[in-house]
């Protein structure tokens, strides 16, 4: 019985030694470079974090630049989608149609590229509102164009009536000259 026990202990010892070597061989040195995909994700997260900090400080132009960098970089779920949403909100503050169009484009991109994102669900009502707003703005432009056209036609109509009145007067004068 003793030889079996010794053999079992020796086998157990050898198995532990082999697994220990395998664990040690799998470890990387502390100064080993991080693989590229992880570095990119970390870089994107750091840039977004810095953009959030700039927003807290009230430095919106700097925050917009940083978020644009995240949006233009490698897509990272949970990072790029948040940057798209926040960047769209920053563009909404701009005056005129350009900011609204840019915001709508970013929100549509968010919806297309990250359909399951929390940020997409939060942006859905805003995207719908922006689409309605764009429709109303287009109709307002049409209405303005129609008003201008109506004003122009009214002027033309008035000029035609005046010309018609002059022609009537001339016709009456001609009739009176012929009779005399």
C-alpha atoms as a PDB file:
ATOM      1  CA  UNK A   1       0.000   0.000   0.000  1.00  0.00           C
ATOM      2  CA  UNK A   2       2.900   2.354   0.729  1.00  0.00           C
ATOM      3  CA  UNK A   3       4.310   2.220  -2.812  1.00  0.00           C
ATOM      4  CA  UNK A   4       0.868   3.228  -4.262  1.00  0.00           C
ATOM      5  CA  UNK A   5       0.691   6.150  -1.902  1.00  0.00           C
ATOM      6  CA  UNK A   6       4.176   7.325  -2.868  1.00  0.00           C
ATOM      7  CA  UNK A   7       3.387   6.968  -6.582  1.00  0.00           C
ATOM      8  CA  UNK A   8       0.141   8.962  -6.144  1.00  0.00           C
ATOM      9  CA  UNK A   9       1.971  11.722  -4.297  1.00  0.00           C
ATOM     10  CA  UNK A  10       4.685  11.842  -6.933  1.00  0.00           C
ATOM     11  CA  UNK A  11       2.105  12.065  -9.755  1.00  0.00           C
ATOM     12  CA  UNK A  12       0.233  14.798  -7.887  1.00  0.00           C
ATOM     13  CA  UNK A  13       3.489  16.681  -7.387  1.00  0.00           C
ATOM     14  CA  UNK A  14       4.336  16.413 -11.102  1.00  0.00           C
ATOM     15  CA  UNK A  15       0.855  17.613 -12.134  1.00  0.00           C
ATOM     16  CA  UNK A  16       1.138  20.613  -9.817  1.00  0.00           C
ATOM     17  CA  UNK A  17       4.554  21.455 -11.166  1.00  0.00           C
ATOM     18  CA  UNK A  18       3.338  21.256 -14.784  1.00  0.00           C
ATOM     19  CA  UNK A  19       0.325  23.456 -14.160  1.00  0.00           C
ATOM     20  CA  UNK A  20       2.464  25.931 -12.263  1.00  0.00           C
ATOM     21  CA  UNK A  21       4.796  26.265 -15.205  1.00  0.00           C
ATOM     22  CA  UNK A  22       1.866  26.739 -17.544  1.00  0.00           C
ATOM     23  CA  UNK A  23       0.472  29.525 -15.368  1.00  0.00           C
ATOM     24  CA  UNK A  24       3.847  31.223 -15.138  1.00  0.00           C
ATOM     25  CA  UNK A  25       4.417  30.929 -18.881  1.00  0.00           C
ATOM     26  CA  UNK A  26       1.055  32.642 -19.578  1.00  0.00           C
ATOM     27  CA  UNK A  27       1.888  35.744 -17.496  1.00  0.00           C
ATOM     28  CA  UNK A  28       3.083  38.856 -19.278  1.00  0.00           C
ATOM     29  CA  UNK A  29       5.655  41.229 -17.892  1.00  0.00           C
ATOM     30  CA  UNK A  30       4.297  44.420 -16.331  1.00  0.00           C
ATOM     31  CA  UNK A  31       5.859  46.597 -19.035  1.00  0.00           C
ATOM     32  CA  UNK A  32       4.457  44.547 -21.967  1.00  0.00           C
ATOM     33  CA  UNK A  33       2.614  46.693 -24.554  1.00  0.00           C
ATOM     34  CA  UNK A  34      -1.181  46.527 -24.583  1.00  0.00           C
ATOM     35  CA  UNK A  35      -2.630  44.992 -27.775  1.00  0.00           C
ATOM     36  CA  UNK A  36      -3.954  47.559 -30.264  1.00  0.00           C
ATOM     37  CA  UNK A  37      -7.746  46.979 -29.959  1.00  0.00           C
ATOM     38  CA  UNK A  38      -7.614  47.457 -26.193  1.00  0.00           C
ATOM     39  CA  UNK A  39      -5.454  50.538 -26.528  1.00  0.00           C
ATOM     40  CA  UNK A  40      -7.955  52.015 -28.973  1.00  0.00           C
ATOM     41  CA  UNK A  41     -10.883  51.341 -26.657  1.00  0.00           C
ATOM     42  CA  UNK A  42      -9.024  52.819 -23.734  1.00  0.00           C
ATOM     43  CA  UNK A  43      -8.046  55.852 -25.814  1.00  0.00           C
ATOM     44  CA  UNK A  44     -11.658  56.360 -26.939  1.00  0.00           C
ATOM     45  CA  UNK A  45     -12.895  56.048 -23.345  1.00  0.00           C
ATOM     46  CA  UNK A  46     -10.270  58.510 -22.119  1.00  0.00           C
ATOM     47  CA  UNK A  47     -11.157  61.018 -24.828  1.00  0.00           C
ATOM     48  CA  UNK A  48     -14.873  60.761 -23.994  1.00  0.00           C
ATOM     49  CA  UNK A  49     -14.099  61.135 -20.305  1.00  0.00           C
ATOM     50  CA  UNK A  50     -12.063  64.273 -21.042  1.00  0.00           C
ATOM     51  CA  UNK A  51     -14.938  65.618 -23.179  1.00  0.00           C
ATOM     52  CA  UNK A  52     -17.359  65.094 -20.275  1.00  0.00           C
ATOM     53  CA  UNK A  53     -14.970  66.949 -17.994  1.00  0.00           C
ATOM     54  CA  UNK A  54     -14.753  69.839 -20.469  1.00  0.00           C
ATOM     55  CA  UNK A  55     -18.561  69.979 -20.498  1.00  0.00           C
ATOM     56  CA  UNK A  56     -18.615  70.198 -16.705  1.00  0.00           C
ATOM     57  CA  UNK A  57     -16.181  73.107 -16.914  1.00  0.00           C
ATOM     58  CA  UNK A  58     -18.390  74.837 -19.490  1.00  0.00           C
ATOM     59  CA  UNK A  59     -15.853  74.507 -22.310  1.00  0.00           C
ATOM     60  CA  UNK A  60     -18.285  73.307 -24.947  1.00  0.00           C
ATOM     61  CA  UNK A  61     -16.136  73.990 -28.046  1.00  0.00           C
ATOM     62  CA  UNK A  62     -13.317  71.854 -26.620  1.00  0.00           C
ATOM     63  CA  UNK A  63     -15.809  69.158 -25.577  1.00  0.00           C
ATOM     64  CA  UNK A  64     -17.289  69.192 -29.097  1.00  0.00           C
ATOM     65  CA  UNK A  65     -13.837  68.724 -30.626  1.00  0.00           C
ATOM     66  CA  UNK A  66     -13.063  65.808 -28.313  1.00  0.00           C
ATOM     67  CA  UNK A  67     -16.401  64.123 -28.981  1.00  0.00           C
ATOM     68  CA  UNK A  68     -15.926  64.581 -32.717  1.00  0.00           C
ATOM     69  CA  UNK A  69     -12.578  62.811 -32.312  1.00  0.00           C
ATOM     70  CA  UNK A  70     -14.328  59.891 -30.568  1.00  0.00           C
ATOM     71  CA  UNK A  71     -17.054  59.762 -33.229  1.00  0.00           C
ATOM     72  CA  UNK A  72     -14.499  59.805 -36.054  1.00  0.00           C
ATOM     73  CA  UNK A  73     -12.327  57.153 -34.384  1.00  0.00           C
ATOM     74  CA  UNK A  74     -12.755  53.405 -34.183  1.00  0.00           C
ATOM     75  CA  UNK A  75     -16.335  52.489 -33.215  1.00  0.00           C
ATOM     76  CA  UNK A  76     -16.632  51.310 -29.612  1.00  0.00           C
ATOM     77  CA  UNK A  77     -20.027  50.327 -28.251  1.00  0.00           C
ATOM     78  CA  UNK A  78     -20.843  52.232 -25.090  1.00  0.00           C
ATOM     79  CA  UNK A  79     -18.393  54.990 -25.994  1.00  0.00           C
ATOM     80  CA  UNK A  80     -19.007  56.057 -29.584  1.00  0.00           C
ATOM     81  CA  UNK A  81     -22.785  55.886 -29.162  1.00  0.00           C
ATOM     82  CA  UNK A  82     -22.648  58.163 -26.118  1.00  0.00           C
ATOM     83  CA  UNK A  83     -20.369  60.561 -27.975  1.00  0.00           C
ATOM     84  CA  UNK A  84     -22.779  60.645 -30.940  1.00  0.00           C
ATOM     85  CA  UNK A  85     -25.689  61.493 -28.639  1.00  0.00           C
ATOM     86  CA  UNK A  86     -23.838  64.179 -26.671  1.00  0.00           C
ATOM     87  CA  UNK A  87     -22.339  65.710 -29.808  1.00  0.00           C
ATOM     88  CA  UNK A  88     -25.807  65.930 -31.359  1.00  0.00           C
ATOM     89  CA  UNK A  89     -27.025  67.802 -28.283  1.00  0.00           C
ATOM     90  CA  UNK A  90     -24.144  70.248 -28.580  1.00  0.00           C
ATOM     91  CA  UNK A  91     -24.974  70.908 -32.233  1.00  0.00           C
ATOM     92  CA  UNK A  92     -28.564  71.715 -31.280  1.00  0.00           C
ATOM     93  CA  UNK A  93     -27.295  74.811 -29.478  1.00  0.00           C
ATOM     94  CA  UNK A  94     -25.988  76.311 -32.727  1.00  0.00           C
ATOM     95  CA  UNK A  95     -28.021  78.983 -34.429  1.00  0.00           C
ATOM     96  CA  UNK A  96     -29.806  78.226 -37.670  1.00  0.00           C
ATOM     97  CA  UNK A  97     -30.539  75.120 -39.672  1.00  0.00           C
ATOM     98  CA  UNK A  98     -26.951  73.912 -39.944  1.00  0.00           C
ATOM     99  CA  UNK A  99     -26.746  72.807 -36.300  1.00  0.00           C
ATOM    100  CA  UNK A 100     -30.127  71.098 -36.440  1.00  0.00           C
ATOM    101  CA  UNK A 101     -29.208  69.238 -39.636  1.00  0.00           C
ATOM    102  CA  UNK A 102     -25.893  68.123 -38.128  1.00  0.00           C
ATOM    103  CA  UNK A 103     -27.634  66.947 -34.940  1.00  0.00           C
ATOM    104  CA  UNK A 104     -30.211  65.012 -36.921  1.00  0.00           C
ATOM    105  CA  UNK A 105     -27.484  63.387 -39.027  1.00  0.00           C
ATOM    106  CA  UNK A 106     -25.605  62.306 -35.894  1.00  0.00           C
ATOM    107  CA  UNK A 107     -28.750  60.921 -34.249  1.00  0.00           C
ATOM    108  CA  UNK A 108     -29.638  58.998 -37.420  1.00  0.00           C
ATOM    109  CA  UNK A 109     -26.122  57.577 -37.468  1.00  0.00           C
ATOM    110  CA  UNK A 110     -26.536  56.590 -33.810  1.00  0.00           C
ATOM    111  CA  UNK A 111     -29.817  54.867 -34.621  1.00  0.00           C
ATOM    112  CA  UNK A 112     -28.331  53.006 -37.609  1.00  0.00           C
ATOM    113  CA  UNK A 113     -25.008  51.955 -36.099  1.00  0.00           C
ATOM    114  CA  UNK A 114     -26.123  51.260 -32.511  1.00  0.00           C
ATOM    115  CA  UNK A 115     -29.793  50.180 -32.667  1.00  0.00           C
ATOM    116  CA  UNK A 116     -29.693  48.426 -29.266  1.00  0.00           C
ATOM    117  CA  UNK A 117     -27.920  51.223 -27.410  1.00  0.00           C
ATOM    118  CA  UNK A 118     -29.453  52.994 -24.430  1.00  0.00           C
ATOM    119  CA  UNK A 119     -28.448  56.271 -26.109  1.00  0.00           C
ATOM    120  CA  UNK A 120     -30.433  55.318 -29.225  1.00  0.00           C
ATOM    121  CA  UNK A 121     -33.557  54.710 -27.156  1.00  0.00           C
ATOM    122  CA  UNK A 122     -33.078  58.026 -25.380  1.00  0.00           C
ATOM    123  CA  UNK A 123     -32.545  59.851 -28.656  1.00  0.00           C
ATOM    124  CA  UNK A 124     -35.640  58.441 -30.401  1.00  0.00           C
ATOM    125  CA  UNK A 125     -38.063  61.173 -29.205  1.00  0.00           C
ATOM    126  CA  UNK A 126     -35.542  63.884 -30.044  1.00  0.00           C
ATOM    127  CA  UNK A 127     -34.941  62.421 -33.509  1.00  0.00           C
ATOM    128  CA  UNK A 128     -38.681  62.312 -34.098  1.00  0.00           C
ATOM    129  CA  UNK A 129     -39.012  65.921 -32.952  1.00  0.00           C
ATOM    130  CA  UNK A 130     -36.172  67.023 -35.235  1.00  0.00           C
ATOM    131  CA  UNK A 131     -37.782  65.280 -38.211  1.00  0.00           C
ATOM    132  CA  UNK A 132     -41.074  67.076 -37.492  1.00  0.00           C
ATOM    133  CA  UNK A 133     -39.190  70.336 -37.007  1.00  0.00           C
ATOM    134  CA  UNK A 134     -37.469  69.903 -40.372  1.00  0.00           C
ATOM    135  CA  UNK A 135     -40.839  69.222 -42.021  1.00  0.00           C
ATOM    136  CA  UNK A 136     -42.294  72.369 -40.444  1.00  0.00           C
ATOM    137  CA  UNK A 137     -39.296  74.435 -41.527  1.00  0.00           C
ATOM    138  CA  UNK A 138     -39.657  73.148 -45.091  1.00  0.00           C
ATOM    139  CA  UNK A 139     -43.346  74.027 -45.069  1.00  0.00           C
ATOM    140  CA  UNK A 140     -42.554  77.468 -43.690  1.00  0.00           C
ATOM    141  CA  UNK A 141     -40.103  77.997 -46.554  1.00  0.00           C
ATOM    142  CA  UNK A 142     -42.783  76.870 -49.009  1.00  0.00           C
ATOM    143  CA  UNK A 143     -45.271  79.233 -47.398  1.00  0.00           C
ATOM    144  CA  UNK A 144     -42.796  82.117 -47.610  1.00  0.00           C
ATOM    145  CA  UNK A 145     -42.157  81.318 -51.277  1.00  0.00           C
ATOM    146  CA  UNK A 146     -45.892  81.155 -51.957  1.00  0.00           C
ATOM    147  CA  UNK A 147     -46.456  84.486 -50.188  1.00  0.00           C
ATOM    148  CA  UNK A 148     -43.725  86.095 -52.288  1.00  0.00           C
ATOM    149  CA  UNK A 149     -45.245  84.601 -55.423  1.00  0.00           C
ATOM    150  CA  UNK A 150     -48.692  85.813 -54.375  1.00  0.00           C
ATOM    151  CA  UNK A 151     -47.332  89.319 -53.760  1.00  0.00           C
ATOM    152  CA  UNK A 152     -45.652  89.297 -57.160  1.00  0.00           C
ATOM    153  CA  UNK A 153     -48.866  88.124 -58.855  1.00  0.00           C
ATOM    154  CA  UNK A 154     -50.839  90.802 -57.011  1.00  0.00           C
ATOM    155  CA  UNK A 155     -48.449  93.466 -58.308  1.00  0.00           C
ATOM    156  CA  UNK A 156     -48.724  92.056 -61.830  1.00  0.00           C
ATOM    157  CA  UNK A 157     -52.512  92.002 -61.513  1.00  0.00           C
ATOM    158  CA  UNK A 158     -52.583  95.628 -60.333  1.00  0.00           C
ATOM    159  CA  UNK A 159     -50.333  96.685 -63.214  1.00  0.00           C
ATOM    160  CA  UNK A 160     -52.568  94.828 -65.686  1.00  0.00           C
ATOM    161  CA  UNK A 161     -55.675  96.580 -64.276  1.00  0.00           C
ATOM    162  CA  UNK A 162     -53.975  99.945 -64.568  1.00  0.00           C
ATOM    163  CA  UNK A 163     -52.971  99.159 -68.131  1.00  0.00           C
ATOM    164  CA  UNK A 164     -56.532  98.068 -68.885  1.00  0.00           C
ATOM    165  CA  UNK A 165     -57.897 101.323 -67.432  1.00  0.00           C
ATOM    166  CA  UNK A 166     -55.484 103.360 -69.574  1.00  0.00           C
ATOM    167  CA  UNK A 167     -56.504 101.376 -72.638  1.00  0.00           C
ATOM    168  CA  UNK A 168     -60.183 102.079 -71.863  1.00  0.00           C
ATOM    169  CA  UNK A 169     -59.457 105.792 -71.509  1.00  0.00           C
ATOM    170  CA  UNK A 170     -57.522 105.804 -74.751  1.00  0.00           C
ATOM    171  CA  UNK A 171     -60.350 103.935 -76.473  1.00  0.00           C
ATOM    172  CA  UNK A 172     -62.900 106.466 -75.185  1.00  0.00           C
ATOM    173  CA  UNK A 173     -60.717 109.381 -76.308  1.00  0.00           C
ATOM    174  CA  UNK A 174     -60.333 107.792 -79.709  1.00  0.00           C
ATOM    175  CA  UNK A 175     -64.113 107.288 -79.986  1.00  0.00           C
ATOM    176  CA  UNK A 176     -64.715 110.935 -79.029  1.00  0.00           C
ATOM    177  CA  UNK A 177     -62.203 112.217 -81.602  1.00  0.00           C
ATOM    178  CA  UNK A 178     -63.774 110.081 -84.307  1.00  0.00           C
ATOM    179  CA  UNK A 179     -67.238 111.477 -83.478  1.00  0.00           C
ATOM    180  CA  UNK A 180     -66.113 115.111 -83.558  1.00  0.00           C
END
